[in-house]
Amino acid sequence: MRTLTTILLLCLPMAVMGETFFCTSTVATAMNDNGVVNSDLPVQSWIVDSSRGLRVPELDGVAKDYIGECEIKRALVAVQVWCTAKAGILSQKNHIEVNKRINEDISFMASKFGAAYNLSFFGKCTEI
């Protein structure tokens, strides 16, 4: 009985932990009602934790606090994480989708929806 209890105590924290990813954009585009406004945006980074939420890019780096919520879908060969959060002065909506497939790079797509324009990002993630 003591061995079973020890195994459960060691494994339980791993069972409740979510996947955590550090994602950096490689492609970014700004769009408005008239089409593409700018396709040469600076690199931005996000931290995605499927159990705690999303840390979004800010002017001075990545936000210190997790916001929003995430949904995770697991399949035999892939894990997908979708997170949505509102951030900033104007409560800009942020959405990110992380795709992790067995034996492949981890990729992401992100969108920031603003009043005047929308930003779209694509890039790679590292699991941390």
Protein backbone atom coordinates (compact mmCIF):
# COMPACT_ATOMS: atom_id res chain seq x y z
CA MET A 1 0.00 0.00 0.00
CA ARG A 2 2.83 2.39 0.81
CA THR A 3 4.40 1.79 -2.63
CA LEU A 4 1.11 2.57 -4.39
CA THR A 5 0.71 5.79 -2.40
CA THR A 6 4.27 6.87 -3.27
CA ILE A 7 3.73 6.20 -6.97
CA LEU A 8 0.47 8.18 -6.94
CA LEU A 9 2.10 11.12 -5.16
CA LEU A 10 4.96 11.18 -7.68
CA CYS A 11 2.74 10.89 -10.74
CA LEU A 12 -0.15 13.13 -9.72
CA PRO A 13 1.64 16.47 -10.34
CA MET A 14 2.53 15.35 -13.87
CA ALA A 15 -1.08 14.41 -14.56
CA VAL A 16 -2.43 17.86 -13.69
CA MET A 17 0.28 19.85 -15.47
CA GLY A 18 -0.59 21.27 -18.85
CA GLU A 19 1.59 21.59 -21.89
CA THR A 20 3.64 24.80 -21.92
CA PHE A 21 5.05 26.34 -25.09
CA PHE A 22 7.24 29.34 -25.93
CA CYS A 23 6.20 30.55 -29.38
CA THR A 24 7.97 33.08 -31.62
CA SER A 25 6.65 34.46 -34.88
CA THR A 26 8.47 34.05 -38.18
CA VAL A 27 5.79 35.67 -40.38
CA ALA A 28 3.42 38.51 -39.46
CA THR A 29 0.86 40.60 -41.34
CA ALA A 30 -1.36 43.55 -40.45
CA MET A 31 -4.72 43.76 -42.22
CA ASN A 32 -7.71 46.08 -42.28
CA ASP A 33 -10.89 46.36 -44.36
CA ASN A 34 -8.84 47.29 -47.43
CA GLY A 35 -6.46 44.31 -47.28
CA VAL A 36 -2.85 43.88 -46.18
CA VAL A 37 -1.41 47.02 -44.57
CA ASN A 38 2.01 45.74 -43.50
CA SER A 39 3.72 42.37 -43.92
CA ASP A 40 6.99 43.31 -42.24
CA LEU A 41 6.05 43.33 -38.54
CA PRO A 42 8.60 42.72 -35.78
CA VAL A 43 9.03 39.29 -34.20
CA GLN A 44 6.68 38.66 -31.28
CA SER A 45 6.57 35.91 -28.67
CA TRP A 46 3.85 34.23 -26.60
CA ILE A 47 3.89 31.77 -23.75
CA VAL A 48 1.05 29.25 -23.88
CA ASP A 49 0.22 27.09 -20.88
CA SER A 50 -2.76 24.86 -21.54
CA SER A 51 -3.75 24.88 -17.86
CA ARG A 52 -3.01 28.54 -16.92
CA GLY A 53 -3.70 30.53 -20.07
CA LEU A 54 -1.72 32.83 -22.32
CA ARG A 55 1.01 35.42 -21.81
CA VAL A 56 0.74 37.88 -24.69
CA PRO A 57 3.30 40.23 -26.31
CA GLU A 58 3.51 43.71 -24.84
CA LEU A 59 5.60 46.71 -25.81
CA ASP A 60 8.37 45.72 -23.39
CA GLY A 61 8.26 41.94 -23.99
CA VAL A 62 5.89 39.18 -22.88
CA ALA A 63 3.29 39.95 -20.19
CA LYS A 64 4.14 38.70 -16.72
CA ASP A 65 0.71 37.26 -15.91
CA TYR A 66 -1.30 34.54 -17.62
CA ILE A 67 -4.69 35.62 -18.93
CA GLY A 68 -7.56 33.99 -20.75
CA GLU A 69 -8.24 30.32 -21.01
CA CYS A 70 -7.14 27.41 -23.13
CA GLU A 71 -8.75 24.34 -24.57
CA ILE A 72 -6.75 21.24 -25.41
CA LYS A 73 -7.51 18.42 -27.82
CA ARG A 74 -5.44 15.26 -27.81
CA ALA A 75 -5.28 12.68 -30.57
CA LEU A 76 -3.02 9.69 -31.13
CA VAL A 77 -0.48 11.64 -33.19
CA ALA A 78 -1.14 15.27 -32.24
CA VAL A 79 -1.99 17.78 -29.55
CA GLN A 80 -3.77 21.05 -30.33
CA VAL A 81 -4.07 23.91 -27.86
CA TRP A 82 -6.35 26.90 -28.46
CA CYS A 83 -6.19 29.94 -26.18
CA THR A 84 -8.17 33.16 -26.16
CA ALA A 85 -7.55 36.24 -24.01
CA LYS A 86 -8.26 39.97 -23.89
CA ALA A 87 -5.34 42.26 -23.12
CA GLY A 88 -4.18 45.83 -23.30
CA ILE A 89 -5.83 49.18 -22.85
CA LEU A 90 -8.44 48.54 -25.54
CA SER A 91 -9.04 44.91 -24.48
CA GLN A 92 -7.61 43.64 -27.75
CA LYS A 93 -8.66 40.03 -28.30
CA ASN A 94 -5.80 37.54 -28.73
CA HIS A 95 -6.19 34.05 -30.11
CA ILE A 96 -3.48 31.44 -30.56
CA GLU A 97 -3.51 27.86 -31.83
CA VAL A 98 -0.54 25.59 -31.13
CA ASN A 99 -0.15 22.38 -33.15
CA LYS A 100 2.16 19.68 -31.87
CA ARG A 101 2.51 16.55 -33.99
CA ILE A 102 4.70 13.55 -33.28
CA ASN A 103 8.18 13.86 -34.90
CA GLU A 104 7.45 17.33 -36.35
CA ASP A 105 8.16 20.93 -35.40
CA ILE A 106 5.61 22.59 -33.13
CA SER A 107 3.89 25.41 -35.02
CA PHE A 108 1.42 28.12 -34.10
CA MET A 109 -0.94 30.65 -35.62
CA ALA A 110 -1.98 33.74 -33.67
CA SER A 111 -4.31 36.66 -34.24
CA LYS A 112 -4.71 39.97 -32.45
CA PHE A 113 -8.03 41.59 -33.22
CA GLY A 114 -8.13 45.38 -32.90
CA ALA A 115 -10.61 48.10 -33.73
CA ALA A 116 -8.73 49.48 -36.77
CA TYR A 117 -6.77 46.43 -37.92
CA ASN A 118 -6.02 42.78 -37.22
CA LEU A 119 -2.59 41.21 -36.85
CA SER A 120 -1.85 37.64 -37.91
CA PHE A 121 1.27 35.68 -36.95
CA PHE A 122 2.75 32.30 -37.78
CA GLY A 123 5.83 30.67 -36.30
CA LYS A 124 7.44 27.89 -34.30
CA CYS A 125 7.15 26.88 -30.66
CA THR A 126 9.39 25.12 -28.19
CA GLU A 127 7.90 23.00 -25.45
CA ILE A 128 9.15 24.09 -22.02
